Amino acid sequence: MPILWKRTMLALLILSITPRKSDGELEQWCVADEQTPDDELQMALDWACGKGGADCSKIQVNQPCYLPNTVRDHASYAFNSYFQKFKHKGGSCYFKGAAIITELDPSHSSCQYEFHP
């Protein structure tokens, strides 16, 4: 009986820490792929904040997501902004291979990444 109880508790723990939307679907964010070179990230970031229509106001100087001031961090924020805004309208988290989906909330300190069910 103790082994069954331990397995049940472990299963409940795993289920409780996995982020899920109310309909049971996993929460997802779009972030820069660690393997993508900065020059490719910069091009994708420029598109996302320009023609792409992402809200990049929070990665400007003196805003909550400006630091750390790296291309990778700013691209992650912009990619996610675009993805959350357009995922139900045909938008994706691709950016010519520069981005990936994560189920771990990338928010940090004062920088909160959007999530829209």
C-alpha atoms as a PDB file:
ATOM      1  CA  MET A   1       0.000   0.000   0.000  1.00  0.00           C
ATOM      2  CA  PRO A   2       2.778   2.580   0.729  1.00  0.00           C
ATOM      3  CA  ILE A   3       4.197   2.240  -2.819  1.00  0.00           C
ATOM      4  CA  LEU A   4       0.794   2.900  -4.382  1.00  0.00           C
ATOM      5  CA  TRP A   5       0.337   5.932  -2.127  1.00  0.00           C
ATOM      6  CA  LYS A   6       3.778   7.306  -3.122  1.00  0.00           C
ATOM      7  CA  ARG A   7       3.045   6.844  -6.827  1.00  0.00           C
ATOM      8  CA  THR A   8      -0.316   8.551  -6.460  1.00  0.00           C
ATOM      9  CA  MET A   9       1.234  11.489  -4.616  1.00  0.00           C
ATOM     10  CA  LEU A  10       3.988  11.790  -7.239  1.00  0.00           C
ATOM     11  CA  ALA A  11       1.409  11.814 -10.042  1.00  0.00           C
ATOM     12  CA  LEU A  12      -0.622  14.475  -8.255  1.00  0.00           C
ATOM     13  CA  LEU A  13       2.494  16.588  -7.718  1.00  0.00           C
ATOM     14  CA  ILE A  14       3.422  16.414 -11.404  1.00  0.00           C
ATOM     15  CA  LEU A  15      -0.095  17.333 -12.459  1.00  0.00           C
ATOM     16  CA  SER A  16      -0.218  20.242 -10.030  1.00  0.00           C
ATOM     17  CA  ILE A  17       2.988  21.888 -11.293  1.00  0.00           C
ATOM     18  CA  THR A  18       2.203  21.558 -15.009  1.00  0.00           C
ATOM     19  CA  PRO A  19       0.667  24.842 -16.242  1.00  0.00           C
ATOM     20  CA  ARG A  20      -2.679  24.284 -17.914  1.00  0.00           C
ATOM     21  CA  LYS A  21      -5.421  26.439 -19.252  1.00  0.00           C
ATOM     22  CA  SER A  22      -8.934  25.980 -17.930  1.00  0.00           C
ATOM     23  CA  ASP A  23      -9.839  23.698 -20.843  1.00  0.00           C
ATOM     24  CA  GLY A  24      -6.909  21.376 -20.060  1.00  0.00           C
ATOM     25  CA  GLU A  25      -4.639  22.607 -22.857  1.00  0.00           C
ATOM     26  CA  LEU A  26      -1.044  23.459 -21.901  1.00  0.00           C
ATOM     27  CA  GLU A  27       0.001  27.083 -21.608  1.00  0.00           C
ATOM     28  CA  GLN A  28       2.580  28.043 -24.221  1.00  0.00           C
ATOM     29  CA  TRP A  29       4.949  30.930 -24.789  1.00  0.00           C
ATOM     30  CA  CYS A  30       7.186  31.681 -27.772  1.00  0.00           C
ATOM     31  CA  VAL A  31      10.859  32.472 -27.126  1.00  0.00           C
ATOM     32  CA  ALA A  32      14.104  32.856 -29.058  1.00  0.00           C
ATOM     33  CA  ASP A  33      15.901  29.598 -29.802  1.00  0.00           C
ATOM     34  CA  GLU A  34      19.217  29.450 -27.921  1.00  0.00           C
ATOM     35  CA  GLN A  35      20.950  28.114 -31.048  1.00  0.00           C
ATOM     36  CA  THR A  36      19.979  31.018 -33.312  1.00  0.00           C
ATOM     37  CA  PRO A  37      22.763  33.543 -34.005  1.00  0.00           C
ATOM     38  CA  ASP A  38      22.190  37.125 -32.839  1.00  0.00           C
ATOM     39  CA  ASP A  39      22.122  38.556 -36.387  1.00  0.00           C
ATOM     40  CA  GLU A  40      19.218  36.246 -37.321  1.00  0.00           C
ATOM     41  CA  LEU A  41      17.443  37.075 -34.060  1.00  0.00           C
ATOM     42  CA  GLN A  42      17.872  40.793 -34.771  1.00  0.00           C
ATOM     43  CA  MET A  43      16.269  40.458 -38.212  1.00  0.00           C
ATOM     44  CA  ALA A  44      13.336  38.521 -36.758  1.00  0.00           C
ATOM     45  CA  LEU A  45      13.048  40.998 -33.866  1.00  0.00           C
ATOM     46  CA  ASP A  46      12.961  43.935 -36.311  1.00  0.00           C
ATOM     47  CA  TRP A  47      10.179  42.243 -38.293  1.00  0.00           C
ATOM     48  CA  ALA A  48       8.161  41.312 -35.193  1.00  0.00           C
ATOM     49  CA  CYS A  49       8.314  44.854 -33.790  1.00  0.00           C
ATOM     50  CA  GLY A  50       7.675  46.409 -37.206  1.00  0.00           C
ATOM     51  CA  LYS A  51       5.506  44.755 -39.841  1.00  0.00           C
ATOM     52  CA  GLY A  52       4.655  41.892 -37.504  1.00  0.00           C
ATOM     53  CA  GLY A  53       2.696  44.099 -35.116  1.00  0.00           C
ATOM     54  CA  ALA A  54       4.146  42.837 -31.824  1.00  0.00           C
ATOM     55  CA  ASP A  55       3.914  45.181 -28.840  1.00  0.00           C
ATOM     56  CA  CYS A  56       7.573  45.986 -28.188  1.00  0.00           C
ATOM     57  CA  SER A  57       6.998  48.947 -25.876  1.00  0.00           C
ATOM     58  CA  LYS A  58       8.105  46.990 -22.786  1.00  0.00           C
ATOM     59  CA  ILE A  59      11.579  46.255 -24.211  1.00  0.00           C
ATOM     60  CA  GLN A  60      12.405  49.949 -24.657  1.00  0.00           C
ATOM     61  CA  VAL A  61      14.839  51.792 -22.351  1.00  0.00           C
ATOM     62  CA  ASN A  62      13.476  52.284 -18.802  1.00  0.00           C
ATOM     63  CA  GLN A  63      10.659  49.771 -19.359  1.00  0.00           C
ATOM     64  CA  PRO A  64      10.124  46.554 -17.328  1.00  0.00           C
ATOM     65  CA  CYS A  65      11.541  44.162 -19.967  1.00  0.00           C
ATOM     66  CA  TYR A  66      14.491  46.222 -21.203  1.00  0.00           C
ATOM     67  CA  LEU A  67      16.922  44.346 -18.940  1.00  0.00           C
ATOM     68  CA  PRO A  68      18.688  42.140 -19.630  1.00  0.00           C
ATOM     69  CA  ASN A  69      19.544  44.218 -22.685  1.00  0.00           C
ATOM     70  CA  THR A  70      20.381  41.412 -25.100  1.00  0.00           C
ATOM     71  CA  VAL A  71      19.117  40.625 -28.583  1.00  0.00           C
ATOM     72  CA  ARG A  72      18.027  37.181 -27.365  1.00  0.00           C
ATOM     73  CA  ASP A  73      15.978  38.526 -24.439  1.00  0.00           C
ATOM     74  CA  HIS A  74      14.368  41.287 -26.493  1.00  0.00           C
ATOM     75  CA  ALA A  75      13.617  38.854 -29.328  1.00  0.00           C
ATOM     76  CA  SER A  76      12.000  36.425 -26.889  1.00  0.00           C
ATOM     77  CA  TYR A  77       9.703  39.133 -25.578  1.00  0.00           C
ATOM     78  CA  ALA A  78       8.787  40.355 -29.076  1.00  0.00           C
ATOM     79  CA  PHE A  79       8.265  36.825 -30.439  1.00  0.00           C
ATOM     80  CA  ASN A  80       5.936  36.000 -27.579  1.00  0.00           C
ATOM     81  CA  SER A  81       4.016  39.257 -27.964  1.00  0.00           C
ATOM     82  CA  TYR A  82       3.434  38.465 -31.647  1.00  0.00           C
ATOM     83  CA  PHE A  83       2.556  34.823 -30.935  1.00  0.00           C
ATOM     84  CA  GLN A  84       0.041  35.622 -28.200  1.00  0.00           C
ATOM     85  CA  LYS A  85      -1.567  38.351 -30.329  1.00  0.00           C
ATOM     86  CA  PHE A  86      -1.909  36.317 -33.526  1.00  0.00           C
ATOM     87  CA  LYS A  87      -1.881  32.606 -32.592  1.00  0.00           C
ATOM     88  CA  HIS A  88      -5.655  32.323 -33.053  1.00  0.00           C
ATOM     89  CA  LYS A  89      -5.494  34.226 -36.352  1.00  0.00           C
ATOM     90  CA  GLY A  90      -2.936  32.047 -38.149  1.00  0.00           C
ATOM     91  CA  GLY A  91       0.223  33.456 -36.523  1.00  0.00           C
ATOM     92  CA  SER A  92       2.945  31.028 -35.485  1.00  0.00           C
ATOM     93  CA  CYS A  93       6.082  30.814 -33.376  1.00  0.00           C
ATOM     94  CA  TYR A  94       8.478  30.182 -36.232  1.00  0.00           C
ATOM     95  CA  PHE A  95      10.321  33.370 -37.232  1.00  0.00           C
ATOM     96  CA  LYS A  96      12.329  31.489 -39.890  1.00  0.00           C
ATOM     97  CA  GLY A  97      13.430  28.935 -37.290  1.00  0.00           C
ATOM     98  CA  ALA A  98      14.602  31.543 -34.764  1.00  0.00           C
ATOM     99  CA  ALA A  99      11.950  30.755 -32.129  1.00  0.00           C
ATOM    100  CA  ILE A 100      10.601  27.805 -30.172  1.00  0.00           C
ATOM    101  CA  ILE A 101       7.553  27.049 -28.045  1.00  0.00           C
ATOM    102  CA  THR A 102       8.026  26.594 -24.307  1.00  0.00           C
ATOM    103  CA  GLU A 103       5.613  25.541 -21.596  1.00  0.00           C
ATOM    104  CA  LEU A 104       7.721  27.263 -18.923  1.00  0.00           C
ATOM    105  CA  ASP A 105       6.701  30.850 -18.262  1.00  0.00           C
ATOM    106  CA  PRO A 106       9.707  32.987 -19.305  1.00  0.00           C
ATOM    107  CA  SER A 107       8.640  35.935 -17.129  1.00  0.00           C
ATOM    108  CA  HIS A 108      11.322  37.257 -14.771  1.00  0.00           C
ATOM    109  CA  SER A 109      11.430  39.903 -12.036  1.00  0.00           C
ATOM    110  CA  SER A 110       9.362  42.872 -13.286  1.00  0.00           C
ATOM    111  CA  CYS A 111       9.075  41.517 -16.852  1.00  0.00           C
ATOM    112  CA  GLN A 112       5.820  39.612 -17.290  1.00  0.00           C
ATOM    113  CA  TYR A 113       5.323  37.738 -20.558  1.00  0.00           C
ATOM    114  CA  GLU A 114       1.777  37.751 -21.881  1.00  0.00           C
ATOM    115  CA  PHE A 115      -0.286  34.606 -22.134  1.00  0.00           C
ATOM    116  CA  HIS A 116      -3.680  34.555 -23.835  1.00  0.00           C
ATOM    117  CA  PRO A 117      -5.717  31.348 -23.754  1.00  0.00           C
END
